[in-house]
Each structure stands twice: as structure tokens, then as C-alpha cells.
Protein backbone atom coordinates (compact mmCIF):
# COMPACT_ATOMS: atom_id res chain seq x y z
CA MET A 1 -0.01 0.02 0.00
CA SER A 2 1.71 3.42 -1.10
CA ARG A 3 1.42 6.13 1.11
CA PRO A 4 -0.52 9.20 0.66
CA ARG A 5 1.57 12.30 -0.83
CA ARG A 6 2.78 14.58 1.99
CA ARG A 7 3.77 18.01 1.83
CA GLY A 8 6.89 18.57 4.15
CA ARG A 9 9.52 16.51 5.60
CA ASP A 10 9.24 13.30 7.30
CA VAL A 11 11.10 14.50 10.28
CA HIS A 12 10.76 13.13 13.89
CA GLY A 13 11.56 14.34 17.36
CA VAL A 14 10.74 17.01 20.17
CA LEU A 15 12.00 20.42 20.26
CA LEU A 16 11.99 22.59 23.06
CA LEU A 17 11.15 26.07 21.79
CA ASP A 18 11.56 28.87 24.14
CA LYS A 19 8.48 30.78 23.56
CA PRO A 20 8.63 34.63 22.91
CA GLN A 21 6.34 36.90 25.23
CA GLY A 22 3.20 38.23 23.07
CA VAL A 23 2.32 35.63 20.47
CA SER A 24 0.18 32.40 21.06
CA SER A 25 1.46 28.81 21.03
CA ASN A 26 -0.56 27.95 17.99
CA ASP A 27 1.13 30.90 16.23
CA VAL A 28 5.05 29.35 17.23
CA LEU A 29 4.21 26.22 16.33
CA GLN A 30 3.27 27.20 12.87
CA LYS A 31 6.70 28.71 12.64
CA VAL A 32 8.52 26.12 14.04
CA LYS A 33 6.85 23.67 11.43
CA ARG A 34 7.48 26.14 8.71
CA ILE A 35 11.30 26.12 9.47
CA PHE A 36 11.70 22.59 9.68
CA ASN A 37 9.33 22.02 6.76
CA ALA A 38 8.06 19.17 8.51
CA ASN A 39 4.79 17.53 7.69
CA ARG A 40 3.44 17.49 11.12
CA ALA A 41 3.69 19.45 14.44
CA GLY A 42 1.92 19.69 17.31
CA HIS A 43 2.86 21.54 21.19
CA THR A 44 2.14 20.05 24.20
CA GLY A 45 0.02 22.37 26.81
CA ALA A 46 -0.45 25.91 25.55
CA LEU A 47 1.18 29.03 27.01
CA ASP A 48 -0.62 32.36 27.23
CA PRO A 49 0.26 34.91 25.19
CA LEU A 50 1.70 36.76 27.97
CA ALA A 51 4.15 33.57 28.85
CA THR A 52 7.51 33.00 27.67
CA GLY A 53 9.63 29.81 28.04
CA MET A 54 9.55 26.09 27.69
CA LEU A 55 6.73 24.80 24.79
CA PRO A 56 7.96 21.17 23.72
CA ILE A 57 6.98 20.71 19.86
CA CYS A 58 6.32 17.34 18.41
CA LEU A 59 7.11 17.08 14.92
CA GLY A 60 6.07 13.88 12.79
CA GLU A 61 5.51 10.90 14.42
CA ALA A 62 6.35 11.93 18.08
CA THR A 63 2.68 13.93 17.75
CA LYS A 64 1.45 10.46 18.65
CA PHE A 65 3.25 10.52 21.96
CA SER A 66 2.92 14.43 23.25
CA GLN A 67 -0.38 13.42 25.22
CA TYR A 68 2.14 11.97 27.83
CA LEU A 69 3.66 15.42 28.01
CA LEU A 70 0.15 16.89 28.59
CA ASP A 71 0.13 14.58 31.55
CA SER A 72 3.63 15.85 33.19
CA ASP A 73 4.31 18.26 36.09
CA LYS A 74 5.18 21.84 35.14
CA ARG A 75 7.55 24.65 36.88
CA TYR A 76 7.31 28.27 36.19
CA ARG A 77 8.27 31.03 37.47
CA VAL A 78 6.07 33.72 38.10
CA ILE A 79 5.75 37.82 39.30
CA ALA A 80 2.54 39.27 40.54
CA ARG A 81 1.26 42.47 40.82
CA LEU A 82 -0.08 43.43 44.39
CA GLY A 83 -2.79 45.53 44.84
CA GLU A 84 -4.59 45.12 41.35
CA ARG A 85 -7.19 42.74 40.36
CA THR A 86 -7.95 42.08 36.61
CA ASP A 87 -10.80 40.33 34.70
CA THR A 88 -8.13 37.91 33.11
CA SER A 89 -5.91 37.52 36.48
CA ASP A 90 -2.86 38.71 34.44
CA ALA A 91 -1.37 42.20 32.87
CA ASP A 92 -3.88 41.33 29.41
CA GLY A 93 -6.89 42.16 31.25
CA ASN A 94 -8.76 45.04 32.42
CA ILE A 95 -8.01 46.29 36.01
CA VAL A 96 -11.30 45.68 37.47
CA GLN A 97 -10.38 46.27 41.51
CA THR A 98 -7.69 48.32 42.95
CA ARG A 99 -6.92 47.89 47.08
CA PRO A 100 -4.07 48.83 49.42
CA VAL A 101 -1.22 46.33 50.16
CA SER A 102 -1.22 45.65 53.90
CA PHE A 103 -0.41 42.35 54.83
CA SER A 104 2.61 41.14 56.87
CA GLN A 105 5.42 38.61 56.15
CA ALA A 106 3.65 36.14 58.43
CA ASP A 107 0.27 36.53 56.36
CA LEU A 108 2.11 35.95 53.22
CA ASP A 109 3.85 32.79 54.64
CA SER A 110 0.31 31.46 55.62
CA ALA A 111 -1.55 32.24 52.78
CA LEU A 112 1.55 30.63 50.65
CA GLU A 113 1.29 27.39 52.79
CA SER A 114 -2.71 27.11 52.32
CA PHE A 115 -1.83 26.41 48.41
CA ARG A 116 0.63 23.69 48.94
CA GLY A 117 -0.12 20.11 48.41
CA GLU A 118 -3.33 18.68 47.08
CA THR A 119 -6.09 21.50 46.79
CA LEU A 120 -9.14 22.34 44.78
CA GLN A 121 -8.92 24.64 42.02
CA VAL A 122 -11.31 26.58 40.05
CA PRO A 123 -10.59 27.18 36.50
CA SER A 124 -10.40 31.01 35.23
CA MET A 125 -13.19 31.85 32.89
CA PHE A 126 -10.59 32.92 30.61
CA SER A 127 -8.68 29.49 30.02
CA ALA A 128 -8.89 27.02 26.91
CA LEU A 129 -11.41 24.67 28.88
CA LYS A 130 -14.52 23.57 26.94
CA HIS A 131 -17.79 24.22 27.89
CA GLN A 132 -20.31 22.43 24.75
CA GLY A 133 -17.55 22.52 22.26
CA ARG A 134 -16.26 26.19 22.82
CA PRO A 135 -13.51 27.22 24.82
CA LEU A 136 -14.19 29.22 27.90
CA TYR A 137 -12.50 32.37 26.78
CA GLU A 138 -14.64 32.91 24.08
CA TYR A 139 -18.24 33.29 26.95
CA ALA A 140 -16.11 35.60 29.12
CA ARG A 141 -15.43 37.89 26.29
CA GLN A 142 -19.07 38.02 25.83
CA GLY A 143 -19.73 38.82 29.42
CA ILE A 144 -21.07 35.29 30.00
CA GLU A 145 -20.38 33.06 33.22
CA ILE A 146 -20.21 29.73 33.04
CA ALA A 147 -20.52 27.38 36.34
CA ARG A 148 -17.07 25.76 36.41
CA GLU A 149 -16.66 22.38 39.04
CA PRO A 150 -13.56 22.60 41.04
CA ARG A 151 -10.67 20.65 39.82
CA PRO A 152 -7.82 18.58 42.02
CA ILE A 153 -4.44 19.63 41.63
CA THR A 154 -1.40 19.64 43.08
CA VAL A 155 1.73 21.96 43.74
CA TYR A 156 4.63 19.88 45.17
CA GLU A 157 7.02 23.32 45.64
CA LEU A 158 5.48 26.64 45.66
CA GLN A 159 9.21 28.90 46.95
CA PHE A 160 9.05 32.25 47.82
CA ILE A 161 11.82 34.40 46.02
CA ARG A 162 11.15 37.96 46.65
CA TRP A 163 8.60 40.54 47.93
CA GLN A 164 9.15 44.24 46.92
CA ASP A 165 6.84 46.90 47.08
CA ASN A 166 3.89 46.10 44.77
CA GLU A 167 5.70 42.95 43.23
CA LEU A 168 5.85 39.13 44.44
CA GLU A 169 7.83 37.00 42.73
CA LEU A 170 7.38 32.92 43.28
CA GLU A 171 8.66 29.45 41.94
CA ILE A 172 5.98 26.99 41.52
CA HIS A 173 6.20 22.79 40.84
CA CYS A 174 2.90 21.89 40.04
CA SER A 175 0.82 18.79 38.48
CA LYS A 176 -1.08 19.08 35.02
CA GLY A 177 -3.95 21.51 34.62
CA THR A 178 -2.77 23.70 37.44
CA TYR A 179 -3.76 27.56 36.36
CA ILE A 180 -0.94 29.67 37.65
CA ARG A 181 -2.98 32.94 37.14
CA THR A 182 -5.77 30.99 39.33
CA ILE A 183 -2.90 30.77 42.21
CA ILE A 184 -2.21 34.01 41.68
CA ASP A 185 -5.48 35.68 41.84
CA ASP A 186 -6.85 33.56 44.59
CA LEU A 187 -3.71 34.39 46.65
CA GLY A 188 -4.36 37.93 46.38
CA GLU A 189 -7.61 37.27 47.59
CA LYS A 190 -6.48 35.62 50.82
CA LEU A 191 -3.87 38.77 51.35
CA GLY A 192 -7.06 40.90 50.81
CA CYS A 193 -5.15 43.00 48.00
CA GLY A 194 -6.10 41.00 44.85
CA ALA A 195 -2.95 40.27 42.56
CA HIS A 196 -2.31 39.32 38.87
CA VAL A 197 0.18 37.92 36.60
CA ILE A 198 2.43 40.88 35.01
CA MET A 199 5.65 37.58 34.10
CA LEU A 200 5.27 34.24 33.80
CA ARG A 201 7.96 31.79 32.54
CA ARG A 202 7.50 28.08 32.01
CA VAL A 203 11.02 26.83 33.22
CA GLN A 204 10.39 22.81 33.32
CA VAL A 205 8.06 20.12 31.37
CA ALA A 206 8.65 16.66 32.74
CA ARG A 207 12.44 16.38 33.15
CA TYR A 208 13.32 17.99 29.78
CA PRO A 209 16.60 20.18 30.41
CA TYR A 210 16.68 23.86 30.38
CA GLU A 211 19.78 24.24 28.52
CA ARG A 212 18.31 22.35 25.53
CA MET A 213 15.44 25.19 24.81
CA VAL A 214 16.31 27.03 21.52
CA THR A 215 14.59 30.41 20.17
CA LEU A 216 12.84 31.19 17.12
CA GLU A 217 15.75 33.72 16.66
CA GLN A 218 18.35 30.79 16.56
CA LEU A 219 15.90 28.77 14.81
CA ASN A 220 15.94 31.11 12.11
CA THR A 221 19.75 31.84 12.17
CA LEU A 222 20.30 28.24 11.71
CA LEU A 223 17.95 28.28 8.80
CA THR A 224 19.48 31.54 6.71
CA GLU A 225 22.80 29.65 7.09
CA ALA A 226 21.46 26.16 5.82
CA THR A 227 19.87 27.79 2.67
CA GLU A 228 22.97 30.12 1.89
CA ALA A 229 25.49 27.58 2.21
CA GLY A 230 23.50 25.00 0.58
CA ILE A 231 23.48 22.55 3.45
CA PRO A 232 20.32 20.26 4.20
CA LEU A 233 17.67 20.90 6.57
CA GLU A 234 18.41 17.87 8.34
CA THR A 235 21.68 18.40 9.23
CA GLN A 236 21.49 22.00 10.29
CA LEU A 237 18.65 21.44 12.51
CA ASP A 238 17.62 18.22 13.03
CA PRO A 239 20.22 17.81 16.01
CA LEU A 240 18.41 20.00 17.88
CA LEU A 241 15.33 17.47 18.28
CA LEU A 242 15.31 15.19 21.16
CA PRO A 243 14.07 11.63 20.40
CA MET A 244 10.50 10.88 19.60
CA ASP A 245 10.13 8.76 22.71
CA SER A 246 11.15 11.62 25.16
CA PRO A 247 7.55 12.63 25.92
CA ALA A 248 7.04 8.57 27.41
CA SER A 249 10.77 8.70 29.07
CA ASP A 250 8.99 8.05 32.74
CA PHE A 251 7.38 4.65 31.25
CA PRO A 252 9.41 1.72 31.74
CA GLU A 253 11.30 0.01 28.59
CA VAL A 254 11.02 -3.39 27.02
CA ASN A 255 13.34 -4.67 24.27
CA ILE A 256 12.09 -7.23 21.68
CA PRO A 257 14.06 -8.91 19.09
CA PRO A 258 13.46 -8.13 15.46
CA ALA A 259 11.18 -11.30 14.47
CA VAL A 260 8.91 -10.38 17.55
CA ALA A 261 8.64 -6.78 16.59
CA ASP A 262 7.60 -7.35 13.26
CA PHE A 263 4.42 -9.08 14.69
CA PHE A 264 3.98 -5.95 17.08
CA ARG A 265 3.91 -3.47 14.17
CA GLN A 266 1.04 -5.41 12.73
CA GLY A 267 -0.76 -4.71 15.79
CA GLN A 268 -0.54 -7.91 17.29
CA PRO A 269 0.09 -8.74 21.25
CA VAL A 270 3.28 -10.37 21.56
CA GLN A 271 5.23 -12.22 24.54
CA ALA A 272 8.12 -10.39 26.03
CA SER A 273 10.32 -12.16 28.64
CA ASN A 274 11.35 -8.74 30.61
CA ALA A 275 7.73 -6.99 30.66
CA PRO A 276 6.44 -5.62 33.86
CA ALA A 277 3.25 -7.37 35.24
CA GLN A 278 0.99 -4.44 34.14
CA GLY A 279 0.83 -0.48 33.02
CA LEU A 280 2.21 0.91 30.10
CA VAL A 281 5.37 0.46 28.77
CA ARG A 282 7.89 2.02 25.68
CA VAL A 283 8.55 -0.87 23.34
CA SER A 284 11.89 -0.78 21.51
CA GLU A 285 13.45 -3.41 19.28
CA GLY A 286 16.64 -5.15 18.96
CA GLU A 287 20.06 -4.05 19.99
CA ALA A 288 19.63 -0.69 18.92
CA ARG A 289 16.87 -0.28 21.10
CA LYS A 290 14.87 1.21 18.43
CA PHE A 291 11.49 2.28 19.58
CA ILE A 292 8.79 1.39 17.96
CA GLY A 293 5.49 2.21 20.05
CA MET A 294 3.83 2.20 23.17
CA ALA A 295 2.22 -1.17 24.94
CA GLU A 296 0.03 -1.81 27.97
CA ILE A 297 0.66 -5.26 29.83
CA ALA A 298 -2.58 -7.45 28.95
CA ASP A 299 -3.88 -9.44 31.57
CA ASP A 300 -2.20 -12.62 30.01
CA GLY A 301 1.19 -10.87 30.23
CA ARG A 302 1.51 -10.20 27.04
CA LEU A 303 2.31 -6.81 25.26
CA ALA A 304 -0.68 -5.23 23.25
CA PRO A 305 -0.07 -2.10 20.97
CA ARG A 306 -1.28 0.97 21.72
CA ARG A 307 0.65 3.57 19.63
CA LEU A 308 2.96 2.64 17.09
CA VAL A 309 5.71 4.38 14.97
CA VAL A 310 4.61 4.29 11.59
CA GLU A 311 8.03 4.08 9.47
CA TYR A 312 6.93 5.35 5.41
CA GLN A 313 8.99 3.92 2.40
CA ASP A 314 9.32 6.19 -0.30
């Protein structure tokens, strides 16, 4: 069976983009896709236009495994403006209330402690959560308030960095689905003065290294150099990519021989001598440990394919 004609390159892997401020995650996704001339691309966990920092972008077959990054922990550095509350809980919104800042350091320590650990959070109306197929922020812009159910979140670490005049800086390590804007808005209400986000930077997603991030400017420079020198894109840009299975790096690996891998690729459950008792696993093939997909351990102990890497032949 011949493959459908594709636009762009079959390039596979994960790019750690240092997203700039003032643009949407989808805008920078499309820019990266064009720079790499990739046939497929997707981001994992959008950042607000105000926010900067780590935005993993999956290219090619890596898009199949992006869900595992959506489920991962995140770490943020945030600066809040005290004394002002906005309708979006960040600096992109309109100020709706101004109050004096009159709390003590002890009050602040007590308020911060209340956010640590497992709590329930009511998502902001200015979020991308869907209601009847539409994101909440569309309703909010029309002045429509939708009832939202509190959702469980976990703040693993909340570090106090500085408090100077009307600015408060924190670092927050949290579970998936946590809205930093909402934490800051709720904190401002606990302190009785109101607060909103004026700077937000995501510094970590899962275990991806901060130093592997690249900017759009760096990518464009490499693209220009490759074009002017007649160097193939894969030589100049592809070394920046992390492996396509890196979104699933926290799952155990099960290695199977090539003869067994042929059946696995066809979607058939296979036996593996070194598989754990249950759960999801990354499956690799042969001595080279080539990643070929994700599997779930079936009740009979076999590897049941869940997501497979497709290799197209020209």
C-alpha cells in the first residue's frame, strides 16, 4: 500500500522552544513547522501569549506521544502585581479592582502554605477549557459566566523568591491542569489586596533540560545559514531535536527481538520475557533499542500495542 502524498519532510522528534512573549502557542508552532519544513507538528500544553519559556513541540511521529507530556508536571517562575485585580488574572486584562497592600510577611507565609499540596482549583473563565464545544474564554469575552467545577491539583513546591513594594515573585512546581493565574488571583484575595500575573515563565516540563531550549531567532539563523550554504536542513536543524519517545521517558522500556517486533508492528499482542506485571511501557527493538511504540501489559502478560511508530518508505 502506497503512502499518501505529504507536504514537507518526514522529520520526527521533540523541539524545546523558548516561546517569546506576546504571541500564541499556535503561532510559534506554525513558525517552527515551516522552519523545519515538517509535514506534521503539534505543541504540548499551550502557554498564554503573556507567558514565555519551555514549549515542547512534537514533529512527525512524535505527535502520537505528546499526550504523555500533557500529563506531566510543570515548573513556573511568576511575578505578581499586588494591589490590583484584573478580569483575566494577568496583565493582558482590564483592572477591575484596586486595594491597598497591607499584609505582613507572616500573613504571606500563611497564605502561601495554603496552596501547597493537594487542593481544589476553580479554573478561570479566561481558560481554554471547553464548554459545549467552545473554550471558556469565548464566553468570557461575551460577558457570559459559566459554572465551573473545582478540579484537583497538586502544588509540589511553592518557593518564595522576593517581595518588593507591590511585586511578589514565586516559583511553582505543580501538576497538570494547574492555572498559575488562578493561584495568583486566589492568593491576592486571601491577602485582601488582589493580585494579577505580570510575568510568567515556564522553566520545566517533565524532565526536559532547560539548557536544550532554543529560540525562534536561533532557528531562523540556522535556517538562513543552511539555505545560503546549500546545507540540508536535517544537517543544520535536526540535531536540536530530542528523541520521539522522550515524552514517554518515564515509562519502563521493554526490548523485543526483531522477529517479534514484526508482529508487534502489525498490531498483534506479543510475548516479552522482561515485561513488568502491568501498565504502559515503551517498546524498543533489537540491540539498537529502536523505539517502535507504546504497549499495555495485557492480563495474559503479553504486550498489547497502543500507539505505533509508522515508518514510511518512499
